[in-house]
């Protein structure tokens, strides 16, 4: 069974996935890292080809990481907005929404220049994306973990206990 982490950029998906992988011995995979390995920087893909092309590449990455099994998968912030991705991710795993308040996300993302969807002002963009996406994150999640004030290892431990992985 895969454990899939979803949520807003800055909620800790990549860091928690690494901690959960270390804690459980499960493989670690990251859809954004898969895209970068295959196609280069995400910001460059957005600039050259647009978000629609990035989303196609993201779905290819989802297919690749889901086929591994017994993995902790960190997804990009918009990955679960696409029904096809959710079906692939749920086919062999459980989705965990890592929920964080806007203030937490903004403080973590301030100064980040690698995320194309933050162009135009971190605080405004984070609040807008959070408002647009939270309902979807909740709808697709098998479990929700509130991450505010918790260290990645604490979040990983909570997830591992929820799914009896330790």
Protein backbone atom coordinates (compact mmCIF):
# COMPACT_ATOMS: atom_id res chain seq x y z
CA UNK A 1 0.00 0.00 0.00
CA UNK A 2 1.20 3.50 -0.87
CA UNK A 3 0.76 6.48 1.44
CA UNK A 4 0.10 9.59 -0.63
CA UNK A 5 0.60 13.06 0.83
CA UNK A 6 -1.41 15.91 -0.63
CA UNK A 7 -1.91 19.53 0.33
CA UNK A 8 -0.80 23.04 -0.42
CA UNK A 9 2.73 23.94 -1.40
CA UNK A 10 4.64 24.59 1.78
CA UNK A 11 2.63 22.19 3.95
CA UNK A 12 5.59 19.82 4.22
CA UNK A 13 4.73 16.98 1.83
CA UNK A 14 8.29 16.38 0.61
CA UNK A 15 9.88 16.67 4.05
CA UNK A 16 7.23 14.53 5.76
CA UNK A 17 7.44 11.91 3.00
CA UNK A 18 11.18 11.58 3.60
CA UNK A 19 10.64 11.30 7.37
CA UNK A 20 7.84 8.74 6.94
CA UNK A 21 9.95 6.75 4.52
CA UNK A 22 12.82 6.67 7.00
CA UNK A 23 10.50 5.73 9.87
CA UNK A 24 8.77 2.89 8.03
CA UNK A 25 11.37 1.69 5.55
CA UNK A 26 8.96 2.38 2.69
CA UNK A 27 10.30 3.76 -0.58
CA UNK A 28 10.09 7.54 -1.01
CA UNK A 29 8.75 9.11 -4.22
CA UNK A 30 7.88 12.66 -5.19
CA UNK A 31 5.83 13.55 -8.28
CA UNK A 32 7.51 16.93 -8.69
CA UNK A 33 10.97 15.34 -8.45
CA UNK A 34 9.91 12.81 -11.12
CA UNK A 35 8.89 15.62 -13.46
CA UNK A 36 12.17 17.47 -12.84
CA UNK A 37 14.22 14.30 -13.47
CA UNK A 38 12.47 13.70 -16.77
CA UNK A 39 11.93 17.25 -18.06
CA UNK A 40 13.86 19.86 -16.10
CA UNK A 41 12.87 22.67 -13.76
CA UNK A 42 9.14 23.09 -13.14
CA UNK A 43 9.40 26.88 -13.48
CA UNK A 44 10.94 26.40 -16.95
CA UNK A 45 8.17 23.99 -17.99
CA UNK A 46 5.51 26.51 -16.89
CA UNK A 47 7.29 29.33 -18.72
CA UNK A 48 7.93 27.44 -21.96
CA UNK A 49 4.87 25.20 -22.24
CA UNK A 50 2.32 26.42 -19.67
CA UNK A 51 0.55 24.83 -16.74
CA UNK A 52 -1.51 22.45 -18.91
CA UNK A 53 1.64 20.75 -20.21
CA UNK A 54 3.05 20.55 -16.70
CA UNK A 55 -0.16 18.82 -15.54
CA UNK A 56 0.23 16.23 -18.34
CA UNK A 57 3.80 15.55 -17.24
CA UNK A 58 2.62 15.35 -13.63
CA UNK A 59 0.10 12.63 -14.56
CA UNK A 60 2.89 10.65 -16.25
CA UNK A 61 4.90 11.00 -13.04
CA UNK A 62 1.91 9.82 -10.97
CA UNK A 63 1.61 6.71 -13.14
CA UNK A 64 5.31 5.98 -12.67
CA UNK A 65 5.40 6.40 -8.88
CA UNK A 66 2.13 4.55 -8.27
CA UNK A 67 3.44 1.49 -10.07
CA UNK A 68 6.15 1.02 -7.45
CA UNK A 69 3.91 0.03 -4.53
CA UNK A 70 4.76 0.29 -0.83
CA UNK A 71 5.91 3.88 -1.24
CA UNK A 72 5.38 7.19 0.47
CA UNK A 73 4.43 9.57 -2.33
CA UNK A 74 4.64 13.35 -2.04
CA UNK A 75 2.46 15.03 -4.63
CA UNK A 76 2.59 18.54 -6.05
CA UNK A 77 0.05 20.97 -4.61
CA UNK A 78 -2.25 20.76 -7.63
CA UNK A 79 -1.83 17.06 -8.35
CA UNK A 80 -5.10 15.87 -6.79
CA UNK A 81 -7.15 18.49 -8.64
CA UNK A 82 -7.19 16.10 -11.61
CA UNK A 83 -9.59 13.14 -11.27
CA UNK A 84 -7.29 10.83 -13.23
CA UNK A 85 -4.46 11.45 -10.74
CA UNK A 86 -6.74 10.80 -7.77
CA UNK A 87 -7.93 7.51 -9.28
CA UNK A 88 -4.34 6.41 -9.89
CA UNK A 89 -3.21 7.44 -6.41
CA UNK A 90 -6.18 5.77 -4.68
CA UNK A 91 -5.88 2.57 -6.71
CA UNK A 92 -2.97 1.40 -4.60
CA UNK A 93 -2.90 3.74 -1.68
CA UNK A 94 -4.40 6.03 0.90
CA UNK A 95 -4.34 9.81 0.54
CA UNK A 96 -3.44 11.98 3.52
CA UNK A 97 -4.16 15.70 3.40
CA UNK A 98 -1.49 17.66 5.28
CA UNK A 99 -3.51 20.68 6.38
CA UNK A 100 -1.83 23.94 7.39
CA UNK A 101 -3.12 27.45 8.05
CA UNK A 102 -2.44 30.19 5.49
CA UNK A 103 -0.11 32.00 7.91
CA UNK A 104 2.03 28.88 8.29
CA UNK A 105 2.23 28.37 4.53
CA UNK A 106 3.09 32.02 3.85
CA UNK A 107 5.89 32.01 6.42
CA UNK A 108 7.38 28.86 4.86
CA UNK A 109 7.06 30.08 1.27
CA UNK A 110 8.13 33.70 1.60
CA UNK A 111 11.22 34.20 -0.58
CA UNK A 112 10.62 31.05 -2.67
CA UNK A 113 11.37 31.81 -6.33
CA UNK A 114 10.97 28.27 -7.70
CA UNK A 115 7.18 28.04 -7.59
CA UNK A 116 5.52 29.57 -10.64
CA UNK A 117 2.05 29.67 -9.07
CA UNK A 118 3.33 32.10 -6.42
CA UNK A 119 4.26 34.81 -8.91
CA UNK A 120 2.56 38.06 -8.04
CA UNK A 121 2.74 37.94 -4.26
CA UNK A 122 3.07 35.01 -1.90
CA UNK A 123 0.46 35.98 0.70
CA UNK A 124 -2.31 36.77 -1.79
CA UNK A 125 -1.58 33.72 -3.97
CA UNK A 126 -1.39 31.30 -1.03
CA UNK A 127 -4.69 32.52 0.41
CA UNK A 128 -6.39 32.32 -2.98
CA UNK A 129 -5.05 28.83 -3.77
CA UNK A 130 -5.88 27.59 -0.27
CA UNK A 131 -9.44 28.83 -0.64
CA UNK A 132 -9.76 27.22 -4.10
CA UNK A 133 -8.19 23.89 -3.19
CA UNK A 134 -9.03 23.01 0.42
CA UNK A 135 -12.45 21.54 -0.35
CA UNK A 136 -10.88 19.25 -2.95
CA UNK A 137 -8.08 18.16 -0.61
CA UNK A 138 -10.66 17.24 2.04
CA UNK A 139 -12.85 15.42 -0.48
CA UNK A 140 -10.08 13.16 -1.82
CA UNK A 141 -8.37 12.48 1.53
CA UNK A 142 -8.69 9.23 3.42
CA UNK A 143 -7.14 10.99 6.44
CA UNK A 144 -6.43 14.60 7.41
CA UNK A 145 -3.46 15.60 9.56
CA UNK A 146 -3.19 19.14 10.90
CA UNK A 147 0.48 20.12 10.64
CA UNK A 148 0.65 23.55 12.28
CA UNK A 149 3.20 23.57 15.07
CA UNK A 150 4.37 20.00 14.45
CA UNK A 151 7.81 18.85 13.36
CA UNK A 152 8.03 16.63 10.26
CA UNK A 153 8.96 13.61 12.40
CA UNK A 154 5.85 14.14 14.55
CA UNK A 155 3.64 14.31 11.48
CA UNK A 156 5.29 11.19 10.04
CA UNK A 157 4.74 9.33 13.31
CA UNK A 158 1.06 10.34 13.42
CA UNK A 159 0.54 9.06 9.86
CA UNK A 160 2.43 5.83 10.56
CA UNK A 161 0.23 5.18 13.60
CA UNK A 162 -3.01 5.94 11.70
CA UNK A 163 -2.15 3.25 9.15
CA UNK A 164 -0.44 0.82 11.57
CA UNK A 165 2.89 1.15 9.77
CA UNK A 166 4.91 1.08 13.01
